[in-house]
Amino acid sequence: ERRIRLEGWRLVLMAASLVLMTGLVFSAFLGVPAPVLLLLRVLAILS
């Protein structure tokens, strides 16, 4: 159960990192301010 629970959290974090990286790319193309890009970058790296 512990392994399956950890794998579930891993899947959640994989999805979050995918969303964050996609958001980072679109934000860079749309010209979002630098602090927002930095925040997205840090969150993507942490995930």
All heavy atoms as atom14 arrays in JSON, in Angstrom:
{
  "sequence": "ERRIRLEGWRLVLMAASLVLMTGLVFSAFLGVPAPVLLLLRVLAILS",
  "atom14_mask": [
    [1, 1, 1, 1, 1, 1, 1, 1, 1, 0, 0, 0, 0, 0],
    [1, 1, 1, 1, 1, 1, 1, 1, 1, 1, 1, 0, 0, 0],
    [1, 1, 1, 1, 1, 1, 1, 1, 1, 1, 1, 0, 0, 0],
    [1, 1, 1, 1, 1, 1, 1, 1, 0, 0, 0, 0, 0, 0],
    [1, 1, 1, 1, 1, 1, 1, 1, 1, 1, 1, 0, 0, 0],
    [1, 1, 1, 1, 1, 1, 1, 1, 0, 0, 0, 0, 0, 0],
    [1, 1, 1, 1, 1, 1, 1, 1, 1, 0, 0, 0, 0, 0],
    [1, 1, 1, 1, 0, 0, 0, 0, 0, 0, 0, 0, 0, 0],
    [1, 1, 1, 1, 1, 1, 1, 1, 1, 1, 1, 1, 1, 1],
    [1, 1, 1, 1, 1, 1, 1, 1, 1, 1, 1, 0, 0, 0],
    [1, 1, 1, 1, 1, 1, 1, 1, 0, 0, 0, 0, 0, 0],
    [1, 1, 1, 1, 1, 1, 1, 0, 0, 0, 0, 0, 0, 0],
    [1, 1, 1, 1, 1, 1, 1, 1, 0, 0, 0, 0, 0, 0],
    [1, 1, 1, 1, 1, 1, 1, 1, 0, 0, 0, 0, 0, 0],
    [1, 1, 1, 1, 1, 0, 0, 0, 0, 0, 0, 0, 0, 0],
    [1, 1, 1, 1, 1, 0, 0, 0, 0, 0, 0, 0, 0, 0],
    [1, 1, 1, 1, 1, 1, 0, 0, 0, 0, 0, 0, 0, 0],
    [1, 1, 1, 1, 1, 1, 1, 1, 0, 0, 0, 0, 0, 0],
    [1, 1, 1, 1, 1, 1, 1, 0, 0, 0, 0, 0, 0, 0],
    [1, 1, 1, 1, 1, 1, 1, 1, 0, 0, 0, 0, 0, 0],
    [1, 1, 1, 1, 1, 1, 1, 1, 0, 0, 0, 0, 0, 0],
    [1, 1, 1, 1, 1, 1, 1, 0, 0, 0, 0, 0, 0, 0],
    [1, 1, 1, 1, 0, 0, 0, 0, 0, 0, 0, 0, 0, 0],
    [1, 1, 1, 1, 1, 1, 1, 1, 0, 0, 0, 0, 0, 0],
    [1, 1, 1, 1, 1, 1, 1, 0, 0, 0, 0, 0, 0, 0],
    [1, 1, 1, 1, 1, 1, 1, 1, 1, 1, 1, 0, 0, 0],
    [1, 1, 1, 1, 1, 1, 0, 0, 0, 0, 0, 0, 0, 0],
    [1, 1, 1, 1, 1, 0, 0, 0, 0, 0, 0, 0, 0, 0],
    [1, 1, 1, 1, 1, 1, 1, 1, 1, 1, 1, 0, 0, 0],
    [1, 1, 1, 1, 1, 1, 1, 1, 0, 0, 0, 0, 0, 0],
    [1, 1, 1, 1, 0, 0, 0, 0, 0, 0, 0, 0, 0, 0],
    [1, 1, 1, 1, 1, 1, 1, 0, 0, 0, 0, 0, 0, 0],
    [1, 1, 1, 1, 1, 1, 1, 0, 0, 0, 0, 0, 0, 0],
    [1, 1, 1, 1, 1, 0, 0, 0, 0, 0, 0, 0, 0, 0],
    [1, 1, 1, 1, 1, 1, 1, 0, 0, 0, 0, 0, 0, 0],
    [1, 1, 1, 1, 1, 1, 1, 0, 0, 0, 0, 0, 0, 0],
    [1, 1, 1, 1, 1, 1, 1, 1, 0, 0, 0, 0, 0, 0],
    [1, 1, 1, 1, 1, 1, 1, 1, 0, 0, 0, 0, 0, 0],
    [1, 1, 1, 1, 1, 1, 1, 1, 0, 0, 0, 0, 0, 0],
    [1, 1, 1, 1, 1, 1, 1, 1, 0, 0, 0, 0, 0, 0],
    [1, 1, 1, 1, 1, 1, 1, 1, 1, 1, 1, 0, 0, 0],
    [1, 1, 1, 1, 1, 1, 1, 0, 0, 0, 0, 0, 0, 0],
    [1, 1, 1, 1, 1, 1, 1, 1, 0, 0, 0, 0, 0, 0],
    [1, 1, 1, 1, 1, 0, 0, 0, 0, 0, 0, 0, 0, 0],
    [1, 1, 1, 1, 1, 1, 1, 1, 0, 0, 0, 0, 0, 0],
    [1, 1, 1, 1, 1, 1, 1, 1, 0, 0, 0, 0, 0, 0],
    [1, 1, 1, 1, 1, 1, 0, 0, 0, 0, 0, 0, 0, 0]
  ],
  "atom14_positions": [
    [[0.83, -1.22, 0.0], [0.0, 0.0, 0.0], [0.86, 1.26, 0.0], [0.54, 2.23, -0.66], [-0.94, 0.0, 1.21], [-2.16, -0.85, 1.03], [-3.03, -0.87, 2.27], [-2.55, -0.51, 3.38], [-4.2, -1.24, 2.12], [0.0, 0.0, 0.0], [0.0, 0.0, 0.0], [0.0, 0.0, 0.0], [0.0, 0.0, 0.0], [0.0, 0.0, 0.0]],
    [[1.95, 1.23, 0.75], [2.83, 2.4, 0.81], [3.43, 2.69, -0.56], [3.48, 3.84, -0.99], [3.95, 2.15, 1.83], [4.92, 3.29, 1.93], [6.02, 2.98, 2.95], [7.02, 4.01, 2.95], [8.06, 4.06, 2.12], [8.23, 3.12, 1.23], [8.92, 5.05, 2.19], [0.0, 0.0, 0.0], [0.0, 0.0, 0.0], [0.0, 0.0, 0.0]],
    [[3.9, 1.65, -1.25], [4.49, 1.84, -2.58], [3.47, 2.39, -3.57], [3.78, 3.26, -4.37], [5.04, 0.52, -3.09], [6.26, 0.06, -2.33], [6.85, -1.15, -2.92], [7.43, -0.79, -4.21], [7.83, -1.66, -5.1], [7.72, -2.93, -4.88], [8.37, -1.25, -6.24], [0.0, 0.0, 0.0], [0.0, 0.0, 0.0], [0.0, 0.0, 0.0]],
    [[2.25, 1.88, -3.49], [1.22, 2.34, -4.43], [0.81, 3.78, -4.1], [0.57, 4.59, -4.99], [0.03, 1.37, -4.43], [0.47, 0.08, -5.1], [-1.18, 1.98, -5.12], [-0.55, -0.99, -5.18], [0.0, 0.0, 0.0], [0.0, 0.0, 0.0], [0.0, 0.0, 0.0], [0.0, 0.0, 0.0], [0.0, 0.0, 0.0], [0.0, 0.0, 0.0]],
    [[0.76, 4.11, -2.82], [0.44, 5.49, -2.43], [1.53, 6.45, -2.91], [1.25, 7.52, -3.45], [0.25, 5.58, -0.92], [-0.24, 6.92, -0.45], [-0.53, 6.96, 1.04], [0.58, 6.5, 1.86], [0.61, 5.36, 2.55], [-0.42, 4.54, 2.51], [1.66, 5.03, 3.27], [0.0, 0.0, 0.0], [0.0, 0.0, 0.0], [0.0, 0.0, 0.0]],
    [[2.8, 6.06, -2.75], [3.9, 6.89, -3.23], [3.87, 7.04, -4.75], [4.15, 8.12, -5.29], [5.25, 6.32, -2.79], [5.63, 6.49, -1.34], [6.93, 5.78, -1.03], [5.72, 7.96, -0.98], [0.0, 0.0, 0.0], [0.0, 0.0, 0.0], [0.0, 0.0, 0.0], [0.0, 0.0, 0.0], [0.0, 0.0, 0.0], [0.0, 0.0, 0.0]],
    [[3.51, 5.98, -5.44], [3.41, 6.06, -6.9], [2.27, 6.99, -7.31], [2.38, 7.71, -8.3], [3.18, 4.66, -7.5], [3.13, 4.63, -8.99], [4.42, 5.04, -9.68], [5.5, 4.95, -9.08], [4.34, 5.46, -10.84], [0.0, 0.0, 0.0], [0.0, 0.0, 0.0], [0.0, 0.0, 0.0], [0.0, 0.0, 0.0], [0.0, 0.0, 0.0]],
    [[1.18, 7.0, -6.53], [0.09, 7.94, -6.8], [0.55, 9.38, -6.67], [0.24, 10.24, -7.51], [0.0, 0.0, 0.0], [0.0, 0.0, 0.0], [0.0, 0.0, 0.0], [0.0, 0.0, 0.0], [0.0, 0.0, 0.0], [0.0, 0.0, 0.0], [0.0, 0.0, 0.0], [0.0, 0.0, 0.0], [0.0, 0.0, 0.0], [0.0, 0.0, 0.0]],
    [[1.3, 9.67, -5.61], [1.83, 11.02, -5.44], [2.83, 11.37, -6.54], [2.89, 12.51, -7.01], [2.49, 11.18, -4.07], [1.48, 11.42, -3.0], [1.13, 10.58, -2.01], [0.69, 12.6, -2.84], [0.16, 11.15, -1.23], [-0.13, 12.39, -1.73], [0.58, 13.8, -3.54], [-1.05, 13.34, -1.3], [-0.33, 14.75, -3.11], [-1.13, 14.51, -2.0]],
    [[3.57, 10.38, -6.97], [4.52, 10.6, -8.06], [3.79, 10.97, -9.35], [4.23, 11.85, -10.1], [5.37, 9.35, -8.23], [6.52, 9.52, -9.14], [7.44, 8.32, -9.0], [8.46, 8.4, -10.02], [8.7, 7.46, -10.9], [8.05, 6.33, -10.86], [9.62, 7.62, -11.81], [0.0, 0.0, 0.0], [0.0, 0.0, 0.0], [0.0, 0.0, 0.0]],
    [[2.66, 10.31, -9.6], [1.86, 10.64, -10.78], [1.29, 12.05, -10.7], [1.27, 12.77, -11.69], [0.72, 9.62, -10.94], [1.12, 8.25, -11.44], [-0.05, 7.29, -11.32], [1.6, 8.33, -12.87], [0.0, 0.0, 0.0], [0.0, 0.0, 0.0], [0.0, 0.0, 0.0], [0.0, 0.0, 0.0], [0.0, 0.0, 0.0], [0.0, 0.0, 0.0]],
    [[0.84, 12.43, -9.52], [0.32, 13.79, -9.33], [1.41, 14.82, -9.6], [1.19, 15.82, -10.29], [-0.25, 13.95, -7.9], [-0.51, 15.41, -7.57], [-1.52, 13.14, -7.74], [0.0, 0.0, 0.0], [0.0, 0.0, 0.0], [0.0, 0.0, 0.0], [0.0, 0.0, 0.0], [0.0, 0.0, 0.0], [0.0, 0.0, 0.0], [0.0, 0.0, 0.0]],
    [[2.6, 14.56, -9.1], [3.71, 15.49, -9.31], [4.17, 15.51, -10.77], [4.58, 16.55, -11.28], [4.87, 15.15, -8.38], [4.61, 15.47, -6.92], [5.68, 14.86, -6.04], [4.51, 16.96, -6.7], [0.0, 0.0, 0.0], [0.0, 0.0, 0.0], [0.0, 0.0, 0.0], [0.0, 0.0, 0.0], [0.0, 0.0, 0.0], [0.0, 0.0, 0.0]],
    [[4.08, 14.35, -11.44], [4.41, 14.33, -12.88], [3.44, 15.21, -13.66], [3.85, 15.97, -14.53], [4.33, 12.9, -13.42], [5.49, 12.04, -13.17], [5.15, 10.43, -13.92], [6.67, 9.61, -13.65], [0.0, 0.0, 0.0], [0.0, 0.0, 0.0], [0.0, 0.0, 0.0], [0.0, 0.0, 0.0], [0.0, 0.0, 0.0], [0.0, 0.0, 0.0]],
    [[2.15, 15.07, -13.34], [1.15, 15.89, -14.03], [1.36, 17.37, -13.72], [1.26, 18.22, -14.62], [-0.25, 15.45, -13.62], [0.0, 0.0, 0.0], [0.0, 0.0, 0.0], [0.0, 0.0, 0.0], [0.0, 0.0, 0.0], [0.0, 0.0, 0.0], [0.0, 0.0, 0.0], [0.0, 0.0, 0.0], [0.0, 0.0, 0.0], [0.0, 0.0, 0.0]],
    [[1.67, 17.68, -12.47], [1.91, 19.07, -12.09], [3.12, 19.64, -12.82], [3.08, 20.78, -13.3], [2.1, 19.18, -10.58], [0.0, 0.0, 0.0], [0.0, 0.0, 0.0], [0.0, 0.0, 0.0], [0.0, 0.0, 0.0], [0.0, 0.0, 0.0], [0.0, 0.0, 0.0], [0.0, 0.0, 0.0], [0.0, 0.0, 0.0], [0.0, 0.0, 0.0]],
    [[4.18, 18.85, -12.92], [5.37, 19.35, -13.61], [5.1, 19.55, -15.09], [5.58, 20.52, -15.7], [6.55, 18.41, -13.4], [6.34, 17.18, -14.05], [0.0, 0.0, 0.0], [0.0, 0.0, 0.0], [0.0, 0.0, 0.0], [0.0, 0.0, 0.0], [0.0, 0.0, 0.0], [0.0, 0.0, 0.0], [0.0, 0.0, 0.0], [0.0, 0.0, 0.0]],
    [[4.3, 18.69, -15.69], [3.94, 18.86, -17.1], [3.13, 20.13, -17.3], [3.4, 20.91, -18.23], [3.16, 17.64, -17.58], [2.73, 17.64, -19.04], [3.95, 17.66, -19.95], [1.87, 16.43, -19.32], [0.0, 0.0, 0.0], [0.0, 0.0, 0.0], [0.0, 0.0, 0.0], [0.0, 0.0, 0.0], [0.0, 0.0, 0.0], [0.0, 0.0, 0.0]],
    [[2.18, 20.38, -16.42], [1.37, 21.6, -16.52], [2.23, 22.84, -16.28], [2.11, 23.84, -17.0], [0.19, 21.55, -15.52], [-0.5, 22.89, -15.39], [-0.8, 20.47, -15.94], [0.0, 0.0, 0.0], [0.0, 0.0, 0.0], [0.0, 0.0, 0.0], [0.0, 0.0, 0.0], [0.0, 0.0, 0.0], [0.0, 0.0, 0.0], [0.0, 0.0, 0.0]],
    [[3.12, 22.77, -15.3], [3.98, 23.91, -15.01], [4.93, 24.22, -16.16], [5.13, 25.39, -16.52], [4.78, 23.66, -13.74], [4.01, 23.81, -12.44], [4.8, 23.23, -11.28], [3.69, 25.26, -12.19], [0.0, 0.0, 0.0], [0.0, 0.0, 0.0], [0.0, 0.0, 0.0], [0.0, 0.0, 0.0], [0.0, 0.0, 0.0], [0.0, 0.0, 0.0]],
    [[5.51, 23.19, -16.76], [6.43, 23.43, -17.87], [5.7, 23.97, -19.1], [6.21, 24.84, -19.8], [7.19, 22.15, -18.22], [8.27, 21.83, -17.2], [9.28, 20.47, -17.7], [8.61, 19.17, -16.7], [0.0, 0.0, 0.0], [0.0, 0.0, 0.0], [0.0, 0.0, 0.0], [0.0, 0.0, 0.0], [0.0, 0.0, 0.0], [0.0, 0.0, 0.0]],
    [[4.49, 23.47, -19.33], [3.69, 24.0, -20.44], [3.33, 25.46, -20.19], [3.42, 26.3, -21.08], [2.42, 23.15, -20.63], [2.81, 21.78, -20.82], [1.62, 23.63, -21.82], [0.0, 0.0, 0.0], [0.0, 0.0, 0.0], [0.0, 0.0, 0.0], [0.0, 0.0, 0.0], [0.0, 0.0, 0.0], [0.0, 0.0, 0.0], [0.0, 0.0, 0.0]],
    [[2.93, 25.74, -18.95], [2.63, 27.12, -18.58], [3.84, 28.02, -18.7], [3.73, 29.18, -19.1], [0.0, 0.0, 0.0], [0.0, 0.0, 0.0], [0.0, 0.0, 0.0], [0.0, 0.0, 0.0], [0.0, 0.0, 0.0], [0.0, 0.0, 0.0], [0.0, 0.0, 0.0], [0.0, 0.0, 0.0], [0.0, 0.0, 0.0], [0.0, 0.0, 0.0]],
    [[4.99, 27.5, -18.37], [6.23, 28.27, -18.48], [6.53, 28.64, -19.93], [6.88, 29.78, -20.24], [7.38, 27.47, -17.87], [8.76, 28.11, -17.85], [8.73, 29.38, -17.01], [9.77, 27.13, -17.28], [0.0, 0.0, 0.0], [0.0, 0.0, 0.0], [0.0, 0.0, 0.0], [0.0, 0.0, 0.0], [0.0, 0.0, 0.0], [0.0, 0.0, 0.0]],
    [[6.35, 27.68, -20.82], [6.61, 27.95, -22.24], [5.64, 28.99, -22.78], [6.04, 29.96, -23.44], [6.52, 26.64, -23.06], [6.53, 26.91, -24.55], [7.66, 25.71, -22.69], [0.0, 0.0, 0.0], [0.0, 0.0, 0.0], [0.0, 0.0, 0.0], [0.0, 0.0, 0.0], [0.0, 0.0, 0.0], [0.0, 0.0, 0.0], [0.0, 0.0, 0.0]],
    [[4.35, 28.81, -22.5], [3.38, 29.78, -23.0], [3.56, 31.15, -22.37], [3.38, 32.17, -23.03], [1.95, 29.27, -22.78], [1.53, 28.25, -23.78], [1.35, 26.93, -23.42], [1.32, 28.61, -25.1], [0.98, 25.98, -24.35], [0.94, 27.67, -26.05], [0.76, 26.35, -25.67], [0.0, 0.0, 0.0], [0.0, 0.0, 0.0], [0.0, 0.0, 0.0]],
    [[3.93, 31.18, -21.09], [4.15, 32.46, -20.42], [5.33, 33.2, -21.03], [5.3, 34.42, -21.19], [4.41, 32.25, -18.93], [3.29, 31.67, -18.32], [0.0, 0.0, 0.0], [0.0, 0.0, 0.0], [0.0, 0.0, 0.0], [0.0, 0.0, 0.0], [0.0, 0.0, 0.0], [0.0, 0.0, 0.0], [0.0, 0.0, 0.0], [0.0, 0.0, 0.0]],
    [[6.35, 32.46, -21.39], [7.52, 33.1, -22.01], [7.16, 33.69, -23.36], [7.61, 34.79, -23.71], [8.64, 32.08, -22.16], [0.0, 0.0, 0.0], [0.0, 0.0, 0.0], [0.0, 0.0, 0.0], [0.0, 0.0, 0.0], [0.0, 0.0, 0.0], [0.0, 0.0, 0.0], [0.0, 0.0, 0.0], [0.0, 0.0, 0.0], [0.0, 0.0, 0.0]],
    [[6.34, 32.99, -24.13], [5.93, 33.5, -25.44], [4.98, 34.68, -25.34], [4.95, 35.55, -26.22], [5.28, 32.4, -26.28], [6.27, 31.44, -26.87], [6.08, 30.08, -26.73], [7.39, 31.89, -27.55], [6.98, 29.18, -27.28], [8.31, 31.01, -28.09], [8.09, 29.65, -27.95], [0.0, 0.0, 0.0], [0.0, 0.0, 0.0], [0.0, 0.0, 0.0]],
    [[4.19, 34.73, -24.26], [3.22, 35.82, -24.11], [3.82, 37.05, -23.45], [3.15, 38.07, -23.31], [2.02, 35.33, -23.29], [1.15, 34.28, -23.98], [0.07, 33.78, -23.03], [0.53, 34.84, -25.24], [0.0, 0.0, 0.0], [0.0, 0.0, 0.0], [0.0, 0.0, 0.0], [0.0, 0.0, 0.0], [0.0, 0.0, 0.0], [0.0, 0.0, 0.0]],
    [[5.05, 36.98, -23.01], [5.71, 38.14, -22.44], [5.31, 38.44, -21.01], [5.17, 39.6, -20.62], [0.0, 0.0, 0.0], [0.0, 0.0, 0.0], [0.0, 0.0, 0.0], [0.0, 0.0, 0.0], [0.0, 0.0, 0.0], [0.0, 0.0, 0.0], [0.0, 0.0, 0.0], [0.0, 0.0, 0.0], [0.0, 0.0, 0.0], [0.0, 0.0, 0.0]],
    [[5.11, 37.4, -20.23], [4.76, 37.56, -18.81], [5.97, 38.15, -18.07], [7.11, 37.91, -18.45], [4.36, 36.18, -18.25], [4.11, 36.23, -16.76], [3.14, 35.66, -18.97], [0.0, 0.0, 0.0], [0.0, 0.0, 0.0], [0.0, 0.0, 0.0], [0.0, 0.0, 0.0], [0.0, 0.0, 0.0], [0.0, 0.0, 0.0], [0.0, 0.0, 0.0]],
    [[5.73, 38.94, -17.02], [6.84, 39.54, -16.27], [7.82, 38.5, -15.73], [7.47, 37.35, -15.45], [6.14, 40.27, -15.12], [4.75, 40.49, -15.58], [4.42, 39.37, -16.51], [0.0, 0.0, 0.0], [0.0, 0.0, 0.0], [0.0, 0.0, 0.0], [0.0, 0.0, 0.0], [0.0, 0.0, 0.0], [0.0, 0.0, 0.0], [0.0, 0.0, 0.0]],
    [[9.05, 38.92, -15.57], [10.14, 38.03, -15.15], [9.89, 37.34, -13.81], [10.22, 36.16, -13.67], [11.45, 38.8, -15.12], [0.0, 0.0, 0.0], [0.0, 0.0, 0.0], [0.0, 0.0, 0.0], [0.0, 0.0, 0.0], [0.0, 0.0, 0.0], [0.0, 0.0, 0.0], [0.0, 0.0, 0.0], [0.0, 0.0, 0.0], [0.0, 0.0, 0.0]],
    [[9.32, 38.0, -12.79], [9.09, 37.29, -11.52], [8.13, 36.1, -11.66], [8.31, 35.08, -11.01], [8.48, 38.36, -10.61], [8.96, 39.65, -11.16], [9.05, 39.44, -12.64], [0.0, 0.0, 0.0], [0.0, 0.0, 0.0], [0.0, 0.0, 0.0], [0.0, 0.0, 0.0], [0.0, 0.0, 0.0], [0.0, 0.0, 0.0], [0.0, 0.0, 0.0]],
    [[7.15, 36.23, -12.54], [6.22, 35.12, -12.76], [6.94, 33.96, -13.44], [6.75, 32.79, -13.08], [4.99, 35.58, -13.58], [4.09, 34.41, -13.91], [4.23, 36.66, -12.86], [0.0, 0.0, 0.0], [0.0, 0.0, 0.0], [0.0, 0.0, 0.0], [0.0, 0.0, 0.0], [0.0, 0.0, 0.0], [0.0, 0.0, 0.0], [0.0, 0.0, 0.0]],
    [[7.78, 34.28, -14.42], [8.56, 33.24, -15.09], [9.5, 32.54, -14.11], [9.66, 31.31, -14.15], [9.37, 33.83, -16.24], [8.58, 34.25, -17.48], [9.5, 34.92, -18.48], [7.9, 33.06, -18.09], [0.0, 0.0, 0.0], [0.0, 0.0, 0.0], [0.0, 0.0, 0.0], [0.0, 0.0, 0.0], [0.0, 0.0, 0.0], [0.0, 0.0, 0.0]],
    [[10.11, 33.31, -13.24], [11.0, 32.74, -12.24], [10.24, 31.81, -11.3], [10.71, 30.71, -10.98], [11.71, 33.85, -11.45], [12.69, 33.38, -10.39], [13.85, 32.63, -11.04], [13.2, 34.56, -9.6], [0.0, 0.0, 0.0], [0.0, 0.0, 0.0], [0.0, 0.0, 0.0], [0.0, 0.0, 0.0], [0.0, 0.0, 0.0], [0.0, 0.0, 0.0]],
    [[9.06, 32.23, -10.87], [8.24, 31.4, -9.99], [7.85, 30.09, -10.68], [7.96, 29.01, -10.1], [6.99, 32.16, -9.56], [6.0, 31.38, -8.7], [6.63, 31.05, -7.36], [4.71, 32.14, -8.54], [0.0, 0.0, 0.0], [0.0, 0.0, 0.0], [0.0, 0.0, 0.0], [0.0, 0.0, 0.0], [0.0, 0.0, 0.0], [0.0, 0.0, 0.0]],
    [[7.41, 30.18, -11.92], [7.05, 28.97, -12.67], [8.26, 28.06, -12.85], [8.16, 26.83, -12.74], [6.46, 29.34, -14.02], [5.04, 29.88, -14.02], [4.66, 30.37, -15.41], [4.06, 28.84, -13.53], [0.0, 0.0, 0.0], [0.0, 0.0, 0.0], [0.0, 0.0, 0.0], [0.0, 0.0, 0.0], [0.0, 0.0, 0.0], [0.0, 0.0, 0.0]],
    [[9.4, 28.63, -13.12], [10.62, 27.85, -13.3], [11.0, 27.12, -12.01], [11.33, 25.93, -12.03], [11.76, 28.76, -13.74], [13.02, 28.02, -14.13], [14.09, 28.95, -14.61], [13.63, 29.7, -15.78], [14.11, 30.87, -16.15], [15.05, 31.45, -15.44], [13.65, 31.47, -17.22], [0.0, 0.0, 0.0], [0.0, 0.0, 0.0], [0.0, 0.0, 0.0]],
    [[10.93, 27.81, -10.88], [11.28, 27.2, -9.59], [10.29, 26.09, -9.25], [10.69, 24.99, -8.82], [11.32, 28.27, -8.48], [11.37, 27.63, -7.1], [12.5, 29.19, -8.69], [0.0, 0.0, 0.0], [0.0, 0.0, 0.0], [0.0, 0.0, 0.0], [0.0, 0.0, 0.0], [0.0, 0.0, 0.0], [0.0, 0.0, 0.0], [0.0, 0.0, 0.0]],
    [[9.01, 26.34, -9.47], [8.0, 25.31, -9.19], [8.18, 24.09, -10.09], [8.03, 22.95, -9.65], [6.6, 25.89, -9.34], [6.17, 26.88, -8.27], [4.81, 27.48, -8.6], [6.14, 26.22, -6.91], [0.0, 0.0, 0.0], [0.0, 0.0, 0.0], [0.0, 0.0, 0.0], [0.0, 0.0, 0.0], [0.0, 0.0, 0.0], [0.0, 0.0, 0.0]],
    [[8.5, 24.31, -11.35], [8.73, 23.19, -12.27], [9.94, 22.37, -11.84], [9.89, 21.13, -11.83], [8.91, 23.71, -13.7], [0.0, 0.0, 0.0], [0.0, 0.0, 0.0], [0.0, 0.0, 0.0], [0.0, 0.0, 0.0], [0.0, 0.0, 0.0], [0.0, 0.0, 0.0], [0.0, 0.0, 0.0], [0.0, 0.0, 0.0], [0.0, 0.0, 0.0]],
    [[11.0, 23.04, -11.46], [12.2, 22.32, -11.01], [11.92, 21.54, -9.74], [12.33, 20.38, -9.61], [13.37, 23.31, -10.81], [13.84, 23.84, -12.17], [14.52, 22.66, -10.06], [14.81, 24.98, -12.09], [0.0, 0.0, 0.0], [0.0, 0.0, 0.0], [0.0, 0.0, 0.0], [0.0, 0.0, 0.0], [0.0, 0.0, 0.0], [0.0, 0.0, 0.0]],
    [[11.2, 22.14, -8.8], [10.87, 21.44, -7.56], [9.98, 20.23, -7.8], [10.15, 19.18, -7.17], [10.22, 22.4, -6.56], [11.13, 23.45, -5.95], [10.33, 24.4, -5.06], [12.24, 22.8, -5.16], [0.0, 0.0, 0.0], [0.0, 0.0, 0.0], [0.0, 0.0, 0.0], [0.0, 0.0, 0.0], [0.0, 0.0, 0.0], [0.0, 0.0, 0.0]],
    [[9.02, 20.36, -8.7], [8.14, 19.22, -8.97], [8.89, 18.08, -9.64], [8.68, 16.91, -9.32], [6.92, 19.66, -9.8], [7.32, 20.12, -11.06], [0.0, 0.0, 0.0], [0.0, 0.0, 0.0], [0.0, 0.0, 0.0], [0.0, 0.0, 0.0], [0.0, 0.0, 0.0], [0.0, 0.0, 0.0], [0.0, 0.0, 0.0], [0.0, 0.0, 0.0]]
  ]
}
